[in-house]
Amino acid sequence: SAIFTRPMFWCTLVSVTYTGASCVAEYVRDADRTSPWYNGAIGGAAAGMVMGAAVKRFDVGAVCALTAGMVSFAAKLDEAYRNEARLESHTIFTDTYEKKVTEKTLKEQYPEYKDM
């Protein structure tokens, strides 16, 4: 069990650092939540610094911070883009459906069933 203790400690520390840094960044700079990708980048950079601290080298920490920040930024940006596209397609479908399928248009389209 001692062989798993050190990696579990670092994985837990990285995840707690990411979550804490992104939540603090959201609280401090983005109260209206208009740009979650910047908060994710800040959290990713902080988590990358913790990853670099595991090997006790500043250059590795800087590269890890930059890489984790960019990956987190890209993931959050993609998530925001996909959510916006999903909302837009849902709106288009709903508007089209409501315009096409109403009781009045169905009665006009099928007059033999209008008394049902």
N, C-alpha and C. Protein backbone atom coordinates (compact mmCIF):
# COMPACT_ATOMS: atom_id res chain seq x y z
N SER A 1 0.81 -1.20 0.00
CA SER A 1 0.00 0.00 0.00
C SER A 1 0.86 1.27 0.00
N ALA A 2 2.09 1.16 0.43
CA ALA A 2 2.96 2.34 0.44
C ALA A 2 3.35 2.76 -0.97
N ILE A 3 3.29 1.81 -1.91
CA ILE A 3 3.66 2.14 -3.29
C ILE A 3 2.60 3.04 -3.94
N PHE A 4 1.37 2.99 -3.46
CA PHE A 4 0.30 3.80 -4.04
C PHE A 4 0.13 5.15 -3.34
N THR A 5 0.73 5.31 -2.19
CA THR A 5 0.51 6.51 -1.39
C THR A 5 1.03 7.76 -2.08
N ARG A 6 2.25 7.73 -2.56
CA ARG A 6 2.83 8.93 -3.17
C ARG A 6 2.10 9.36 -4.45
N PRO A 7 1.82 8.44 -5.42
CA PRO A 7 1.07 8.89 -6.60
C PRO A 7 -0.34 9.39 -6.28
N MET A 8 -0.99 8.75 -5.32
CA MET A 8 -2.33 9.21 -4.95
C MET A 8 -2.28 10.60 -4.34
N PHE A 9 -1.24 10.86 -3.55
CA PHE A 9 -1.08 12.19 -2.97
C PHE A 9 -0.94 13.24 -4.05
N TRP A 10 -0.09 13.00 -5.06
CA TRP A 10 0.14 14.00 -6.11
C TRP A 10 -1.09 14.16 -7.00
N CYS A 11 -1.76 13.05 -7.31
CA CYS A 11 -2.99 13.17 -8.13
C CYS A 11 -4.07 13.95 -7.39
N THR A 12 -4.21 13.69 -6.12
CA THR A 12 -5.19 14.43 -5.32
C THR A 12 -4.82 15.90 -5.23
N LEU A 13 -3.56 16.17 -5.02
CA LEU A 13 -3.10 17.55 -4.91
C LEU A 13 -3.30 18.32 -6.22
N VAL A 14 -3.03 17.67 -7.34
CA VAL A 14 -3.23 18.31 -8.64
C VAL A 14 -4.71 18.61 -8.87
N SER A 15 -5.59 17.66 -8.58
CA SER A 15 -7.01 17.88 -8.83
C SER A 15 -7.60 18.93 -7.88
N VAL A 16 -7.17 18.92 -6.64
CA VAL A 16 -7.65 19.92 -5.69
C VAL A 16 -7.13 21.31 -6.08
N THR A 17 -5.89 21.38 -6.54
CA THR A 17 -5.32 22.66 -6.97
C THR A 17 -6.07 23.20 -8.19
N TYR A 18 -6.34 22.35 -9.16
CA TYR A 18 -7.07 22.78 -10.35
C TYR A 18 -8.45 23.32 -9.97
N THR A 19 -9.17 22.56 -9.18
CA THR A 19 -10.52 22.96 -8.79
C THR A 19 -10.50 24.25 -7.97
N GLY A 20 -9.59 24.30 -7.01
CA GLY A 20 -9.52 25.49 -6.16
C GLY A 20 -9.13 26.73 -6.93
N ALA A 21 -8.12 26.62 -7.78
CA ALA A 21 -7.66 27.79 -8.54
C ALA A 21 -8.72 28.28 -9.52
N SER A 22 -9.40 27.35 -10.20
CA SER A 22 -10.42 27.80 -11.16
C SER A 22 -11.62 28.39 -10.44
N CYS A 23 -11.98 27.86 -9.27
CA CYS A 23 -13.10 28.43 -8.51
C CYS A 23 -12.74 29.81 -7.96
N VAL A 24 -11.53 29.96 -7.45
CA VAL A 24 -11.10 31.26 -6.94
C VAL A 24 -11.04 32.28 -8.08
N ALA A 25 -10.52 31.84 -9.24
CA ALA A 25 -10.46 32.74 -10.39
C ALA A 25 -11.86 33.17 -10.82
N GLU A 26 -12.80 32.25 -10.79
CA GLU A 26 -14.17 32.60 -11.15
C GLU A 26 -14.76 33.59 -10.14
N TYR A 27 -14.50 33.35 -8.88
CA TYR A 27 -15.04 34.23 -7.84
C TYR A 27 -14.43 35.63 -7.92
N VAL A 28 -13.13 35.70 -8.20
CA VAL A 28 -12.43 36.98 -8.18
C VAL A 28 -12.66 37.78 -9.46
N ARG A 29 -12.54 37.15 -10.62
CA ARG A 29 -12.52 37.93 -11.85
C ARG A 29 -13.75 37.75 -12.75
N ASP A 30 -14.59 36.78 -12.49
CA ASP A 30 -15.65 36.49 -13.45
C ASP A 30 -16.96 36.18 -12.72
N ALA A 31 -17.51 37.16 -12.05
CA ALA A 31 -18.72 36.94 -11.26
C ALA A 31 -19.93 36.61 -12.13
N ASP A 32 -19.99 37.16 -13.35
CA ASP A 32 -21.13 36.89 -14.21
C ASP A 32 -20.93 35.68 -15.11
N ARG A 33 -19.81 34.99 -14.99
CA ARG A 33 -19.51 33.72 -15.68
C ARG A 33 -19.62 33.83 -17.20
N THR A 34 -19.04 34.87 -17.75
CA THR A 34 -19.08 35.04 -19.19
C THR A 34 -17.90 34.40 -19.89
N SER A 35 -16.82 34.11 -19.18
CA SER A 35 -15.64 33.52 -19.83
C SER A 35 -15.04 32.41 -18.97
N PRO A 36 -15.66 31.23 -18.96
CA PRO A 36 -15.15 30.15 -18.11
C PRO A 36 -13.82 29.58 -18.61
N TRP A 37 -13.47 29.83 -19.87
CA TRP A 37 -12.23 29.26 -20.40
C TRP A 37 -11.00 29.90 -19.76
N TYR A 38 -11.08 31.18 -19.40
CA TYR A 38 -9.94 31.81 -18.71
C TYR A 38 -9.76 31.23 -17.31
N ASN A 39 -10.86 30.98 -16.64
CA ASN A 39 -10.78 30.38 -15.31
C ASN A 39 -10.17 28.98 -15.40
N GLY A 40 -10.54 28.23 -16.41
CA GLY A 40 -9.96 26.91 -16.61
C GLY A 40 -8.48 26.97 -16.91
N ALA A 41 -8.07 27.98 -17.67
CA ALA A 41 -6.64 28.14 -17.98
C ALA A 41 -5.85 28.47 -16.72
N ILE A 42 -6.41 29.29 -15.86
CA ILE A 42 -5.74 29.62 -14.60
C ILE A 42 -5.63 28.38 -13.72
N GLY A 43 -6.70 27.61 -13.64
CA GLY A 43 -6.68 26.37 -12.87
C GLY A 43 -5.70 25.36 -13.45
N GLY A 44 -5.66 25.27 -14.77
CA GLY A 44 -4.72 24.35 -15.42
C GLY A 44 -3.27 24.75 -15.19
N ALA A 45 -3.00 26.05 -15.21
CA ALA A 45 -1.64 26.51 -14.97
C ALA A 45 -1.22 26.22 -13.53
N ALA A 46 -2.12 26.42 -12.59
CA ALA A 46 -1.80 26.12 -11.20
C ALA A 46 -1.57 24.62 -11.00
N ALA A 47 -2.41 23.80 -11.62
CA ALA A 47 -2.24 22.35 -11.52
C ALA A 47 -0.95 21.90 -12.19
N GLY A 48 -0.58 22.55 -13.28
CA GLY A 48 0.69 22.23 -13.94
C GLY A 48 1.89 22.56 -13.08
N MET A 49 1.80 23.65 -12.33
CA MET A 49 2.89 23.98 -11.40
C MET A 49 3.04 22.92 -10.32
N VAL A 50 1.91 22.37 -9.87
CA VAL A 50 1.98 21.29 -8.87
C VAL A 50 2.59 20.05 -9.50
N MET A 51 2.23 19.77 -10.76
CA MET A 51 2.85 18.62 -11.44
C MET A 51 4.35 18.81 -11.55
N GLY A 52 4.77 20.01 -11.86
CA GLY A 52 6.20 20.29 -11.95
C GLY A 52 6.89 20.23 -10.60
N ALA A 53 6.17 20.54 -9.54
CA ALA A 53 6.74 20.47 -8.20
C ALA A 53 7.04 19.03 -7.80
N ALA A 54 6.36 18.09 -8.42
CA ALA A 54 6.59 16.68 -8.09
C ALA A 54 8.01 16.26 -8.46
N VAL A 55 8.58 16.85 -9.51
CA VAL A 55 9.95 16.51 -9.92
C VAL A 55 10.97 17.51 -9.41
N LYS A 56 10.50 18.58 -8.75
CA LYS A 56 11.36 19.59 -8.11
C LYS A 56 12.28 20.31 -9.10
N ARG A 57 11.71 20.64 -10.28
CA ARG A 57 12.46 21.41 -11.27
C ARG A 57 11.55 22.51 -11.81
N PHE A 58 12.09 23.73 -11.84
CA PHE A 58 11.29 24.87 -12.27
C PHE A 58 10.96 24.80 -13.76
N ASP A 59 11.90 24.38 -14.59
CA ASP A 59 11.65 24.35 -16.03
C ASP A 59 10.55 23.34 -16.38
N VAL A 60 10.56 22.20 -15.72
CA VAL A 60 9.50 21.21 -15.96
C VAL A 60 8.17 21.75 -15.44
N GLY A 61 8.20 22.44 -14.31
CA GLY A 61 6.98 23.04 -13.77
C GLY A 61 6.40 24.09 -14.69
N ALA A 62 7.27 24.91 -15.28
CA ALA A 62 6.78 25.94 -16.20
C ALA A 62 6.16 25.33 -17.45
N VAL A 63 6.79 24.31 -17.99
CA VAL A 63 6.25 23.65 -19.19
C VAL A 63 4.94 22.94 -18.85
N CYS A 64 4.90 22.27 -17.71
CA CYS A 64 3.66 21.61 -17.28
C CYS A 64 2.54 22.63 -17.08
N ALA A 65 2.87 23.76 -16.46
CA ALA A 65 1.86 24.79 -16.23
C ALA A 65 1.33 25.35 -17.55
N LEU A 66 2.24 25.62 -18.47
CA LEU A 66 1.83 26.15 -19.77
C LEU A 66 0.98 25.14 -20.53
N THR A 67 1.42 23.90 -20.54
CA THR A 67 0.69 22.85 -21.27
C THR A 67 -0.67 22.58 -20.64
N ALA A 68 -0.72 22.42 -19.33
CA ALA A 68 -1.99 22.13 -18.67
C ALA A 68 -2.94 23.32 -18.80
N GLY A 69 -2.42 24.53 -18.74
CA GLY A 69 -3.27 25.71 -18.92
C GLY A 69 -3.85 25.77 -20.32
N MET A 70 -3.03 25.47 -21.34
CA MET A 70 -3.52 25.50 -22.72
C MET A 70 -4.54 24.40 -22.98
N VAL A 71 -4.28 23.21 -22.45
CA VAL A 71 -5.23 22.10 -22.64
C VAL A 71 -6.55 22.41 -21.95
N SER A 72 -6.49 22.93 -20.75
CA SER A 72 -7.71 23.28 -20.03
C SER A 72 -8.45 24.42 -20.73
N PHE A 73 -7.72 25.41 -21.22
CA PHE A 73 -8.33 26.51 -21.97
C PHE A 73 -9.05 25.96 -23.20
N ALA A 74 -8.40 25.07 -23.95
CA ALA A 74 -9.01 24.51 -25.15
C ALA A 74 -10.24 23.67 -24.82
N ALA A 75 -10.16 22.89 -23.75
CA ALA A 75 -11.30 22.06 -23.37
C ALA A 75 -12.49 22.91 -22.95
N LYS A 76 -12.25 23.95 -22.18
CA LYS A 76 -13.35 24.82 -21.75
C LYS A 76 -13.92 25.63 -22.91
N LEU A 77 -13.06 26.06 -23.82
CA LEU A 77 -13.53 26.79 -24.99
C LEU A 77 -14.39 25.89 -25.88
N ASP A 78 -13.96 24.65 -26.06
CA ASP A 78 -14.72 23.70 -26.86
C ASP A 78 -16.06 23.40 -26.20
N GLU A 79 -16.05 23.27 -24.88
CA GLU A 79 -17.29 23.01 -24.15
C GLU A 79 -18.27 24.17 -24.32
N ALA A 80 -17.77 25.38 -24.21
CA ALA A 80 -18.64 26.55 -24.38
C ALA A 80 -19.17 26.63 -25.81
N TYR A 81 -18.32 26.33 -26.79
CA TYR A 81 -18.76 26.36 -28.19
C TYR A 81 -19.83 25.30 -28.44
N ARG A 82 -19.60 24.09 -27.92
CA ARG A 82 -20.59 23.02 -28.13
C ARG A 82 -21.90 23.33 -27.44
N ASN A 83 -21.87 23.90 -26.25
CA ASN A 83 -23.11 24.25 -25.56
C ASN A 83 -23.88 25.31 -26.33
N GLU A 84 -23.17 26.30 -26.88
CA GLU A 84 -23.84 27.34 -27.66
C GLU A 84 -24.44 26.75 -28.94
N ALA A 85 -23.71 25.86 -29.60
CA ALA A 85 -24.22 25.24 -30.83
C ALA A 85 -25.43 24.37 -30.51
N ARG A 86 -25.39 23.67 -29.41
CA ARG A 86 -26.51 22.82 -29.01
C ARG A 86 -27.74 23.67 -28.72
N LEU A 87 -27.54 24.79 -28.03
CA LEU A 87 -28.66 25.68 -27.73
C LEU A 87 -29.23 26.27 -29.01
N GLU A 88 -28.37 26.66 -29.93
CA GLU A 88 -28.83 27.24 -31.19
C GLU A 88 -29.61 26.22 -32.02
N SER A 89 -29.12 24.99 -32.11
CA SER A 89 -29.83 23.98 -32.90
C SER A 89 -31.16 23.62 -32.24
N HIS A 90 -31.20 23.62 -30.91
CA HIS A 90 -32.46 23.35 -30.22
C HIS A 90 -33.48 24.45 -30.50
N THR A 91 -33.02 25.69 -30.51
CA THR A 91 -33.91 26.82 -30.78
C THR A 91 -34.44 26.75 -32.20
N ILE A 92 -33.57 26.44 -33.15
CA ILE A 92 -34.00 26.35 -34.55
C ILE A 92 -35.03 25.24 -34.71
N PHE A 93 -34.77 24.07 -34.11
CA PHE A 93 -35.69 22.95 -34.22
C PHE A 93 -37.03 23.28 -33.58
N THR A 94 -37.00 23.87 -32.41
CA THR A 94 -38.24 24.18 -31.70
C THR A 94 -39.07 25.20 -32.48
N ASP A 95 -38.44 26.25 -32.99
CA ASP A 95 -39.18 27.25 -33.76
C ASP A 95 -39.79 26.64 -35.01
N THR A 96 -39.02 25.84 -35.73
CA THR A 96 -39.52 25.22 -36.95
C THR A 96 -40.67 24.27 -36.64
N TYR A 97 -40.53 23.48 -35.60
CA TYR A 97 -41.56 22.52 -35.25
C TYR A 97 -42.84 23.23 -34.85
N GLU A 98 -42.72 24.28 -34.04
CA GLU A 98 -43.92 24.98 -33.60
C GLU A 98 -44.63 25.68 -34.75
N LYS A 99 -43.89 26.14 -35.73
CA LYS A 99 -44.51 26.79 -36.88
C LYS A 99 -45.20 25.78 -37.78
N LYS A 100 -44.60 24.61 -37.93
CA LYS A 100 -45.17 23.62 -38.86
C LYS A 100 -46.32 22.84 -38.25
N VAL A 101 -46.20 22.46 -37.01
CA VAL A 101 -47.19 21.57 -36.42
C VAL A 101 -48.00 22.32 -35.38
N THR A 102 -49.12 22.82 -35.82
CA THR A 102 -50.12 23.38 -34.91
C THR A 102 -51.45 22.77 -35.30
N GLU A 103 -52.39 22.88 -34.39
CA GLU A 103 -53.68 22.26 -34.66
C GLU A 103 -54.36 22.89 -35.87
N LYS A 104 -54.22 24.18 -36.01
CA LYS A 104 -54.86 24.88 -37.13
C LYS A 104 -54.27 24.44 -38.46
N THR A 105 -52.95 24.36 -38.54
CA THR A 105 -52.34 23.95 -39.81
C THR A 105 -52.65 22.50 -40.14
N LEU A 106 -52.76 21.67 -39.11
CA LEU A 106 -53.10 20.27 -39.37
C LEU A 106 -54.54 20.14 -39.87
N LYS A 107 -55.45 20.94 -39.32
CA LYS A 107 -56.84 20.91 -39.79
C LYS A 107 -56.96 21.42 -41.22
N GLU A 108 -56.13 22.41 -41.57
CA GLU A 108 -56.13 22.92 -42.94
C GLU A 108 -55.52 21.89 -43.89
N GLN A 109 -54.53 21.19 -43.41
CA GLN A 109 -53.84 20.22 -44.26
C GLN A 109 -54.69 18.97 -44.47
N TYR A 110 -55.44 18.57 -43.46
CA TYR A 110 -56.27 17.37 -43.55
C TYR A 110 -57.73 17.74 -43.22
N PRO A 111 -58.47 18.31 -44.18
CA PRO A 111 -59.82 18.80 -43.89
C PRO A 111 -60.80 17.68 -43.53
N GLU A 112 -60.54 16.48 -44.01
CA GLU A 112 -61.48 15.39 -43.72
C GLU A 112 -61.44 14.96 -42.23
N TYR A 113 -60.42 15.37 -41.51
CA TYR A 113 -60.30 15.02 -40.09
C TYR A 113 -60.51 16.22 -39.17
N LYS A 114 -61.04 17.33 -39.69
CA LYS A 114 -61.12 18.54 -38.88
C LYS A 114 -62.14 18.46 -37.74
N ASP A 115 -63.06 17.54 -37.80
CA ASP A 115 -64.08 17.43 -36.74
C ASP A 115 -63.66 16.47 -35.62
N MET A 116 -62.51 15.95 -35.68
CA MET A 116 -62.06 15.00 -34.65
C MET A 116 -61.66 15.68 -33.39
